Amino acid sequence: MQLRKDMDTAQAVENGLVVDEVNGSASAWAYLAEHGVPTPVILRVLVSQTRRRQSDPIYTPRSN
């Protein structure tokens, strides 16, 4: 896995994961795309928790 070099993209991904948790994957996808995150990265972080970087927060469903 490559080390992060683009801190703007790294921050967008972290924010996108919060959007995913709060508003769902479609909103997160739109947010990430709007912030210039490449499609392969969007797929990696939204589709598979196991393929996220170690520094990415782990999604935990909210209790209702």
Protein backbone atom coordinates (compact mmCIF):
# COMPACT_ATOMS: atom_id res chain seq x y z
CA MET A 1 0.00 0.00 0.00
CA GLN A 2 1.27 3.47 -0.83
CA LEU A 3 1.86 6.11 1.81
CA ARG A 4 -0.31 9.17 1.63
CA LYS A 5 1.35 12.12 -0.05
CA ASP A 6 -1.67 14.30 -0.75
CA MET A 7 -2.99 15.62 2.54
CA ASP A 8 -5.94 17.37 0.88
CA THR A 9 -7.16 14.05 -0.51
CA ALA A 10 -6.47 12.34 2.81
CA GLN A 11 -8.61 14.91 4.62
CA ALA A 12 -11.37 14.61 2.02
CA VAL A 13 -11.39 10.83 2.50
CA GLU A 14 -11.65 11.18 6.27
CA ASN A 15 -14.49 13.67 5.90
CA GLY A 16 -16.14 11.41 3.31
CA LEU A 17 -16.15 8.53 5.79
CA VAL A 18 -18.01 10.74 8.25
CA VAL A 19 -20.50 11.67 5.53
CA ASP A 20 -20.90 7.94 4.81
CA GLU A 21 -21.70 7.22 8.45
CA VAL A 22 -24.16 10.09 8.81
CA ASN A 23 -25.81 10.33 5.38
CA GLY A 24 -24.95 7.08 3.58
CA SER A 25 -22.72 5.95 0.75
CA ALA A 26 -24.42 7.90 -2.05
CA SER A 27 -23.84 11.19 -0.24
CA ALA A 28 -20.29 10.16 0.63
CA TRP A 29 -19.59 9.28 -3.01
CA ALA A 30 -20.87 12.68 -4.14
CA TYR A 31 -18.80 14.46 -1.48
CA LEU A 32 -15.62 12.58 -2.38
CA ALA A 33 -16.08 13.07 -6.12
CA GLU A 34 -16.75 16.79 -5.60
CA HIS A 35 -13.46 17.03 -3.69
CA GLY A 36 -11.46 15.38 -6.46
CA VAL A 37 -10.93 11.97 -4.90
CA PRO A 38 -10.23 9.46 -7.70
CA THR A 39 -12.92 6.85 -8.36
CA PRO A 40 -10.69 3.86 -7.43
CA VAL A 41 -10.04 5.46 -4.04
CA ILE A 42 -13.73 6.17 -3.50
CA LEU A 43 -14.55 2.55 -4.26
CA ARG A 44 -11.81 1.28 -1.97
CA VAL A 45 -12.88 3.29 1.06
CA LEU A 46 -16.64 2.99 0.65
CA VAL A 47 -16.95 -0.63 -0.45
CA SER A 48 -14.52 -2.50 1.75
CA GLN A 49 -13.50 -1.66 5.29
CA THR A 50 -10.66 -4.16 5.07
CA ARG A 51 -9.06 -2.21 2.20
CA ARG A 52 -9.01 1.11 4.04
CA ARG A 53 -5.72 2.46 5.22
CA GLN A 54 -4.84 1.79 8.84
CA SER A 55 -5.29 5.48 9.62
CA ASP A 56 -8.84 5.58 8.21
CA PRO A 57 -11.53 5.41 10.89
CA ILE A 58 -13.38 2.13 11.14
CA TYR A 59 -17.08 2.45 10.44
CA THR A 60 -19.25 1.36 13.33
CA PRO A 61 -23.01 1.46 12.84
CA ARG A 62 -24.87 3.83 15.09
CA SER A 63 -27.25 2.35 17.66
CA ASN A 64 -30.86 3.43 17.32
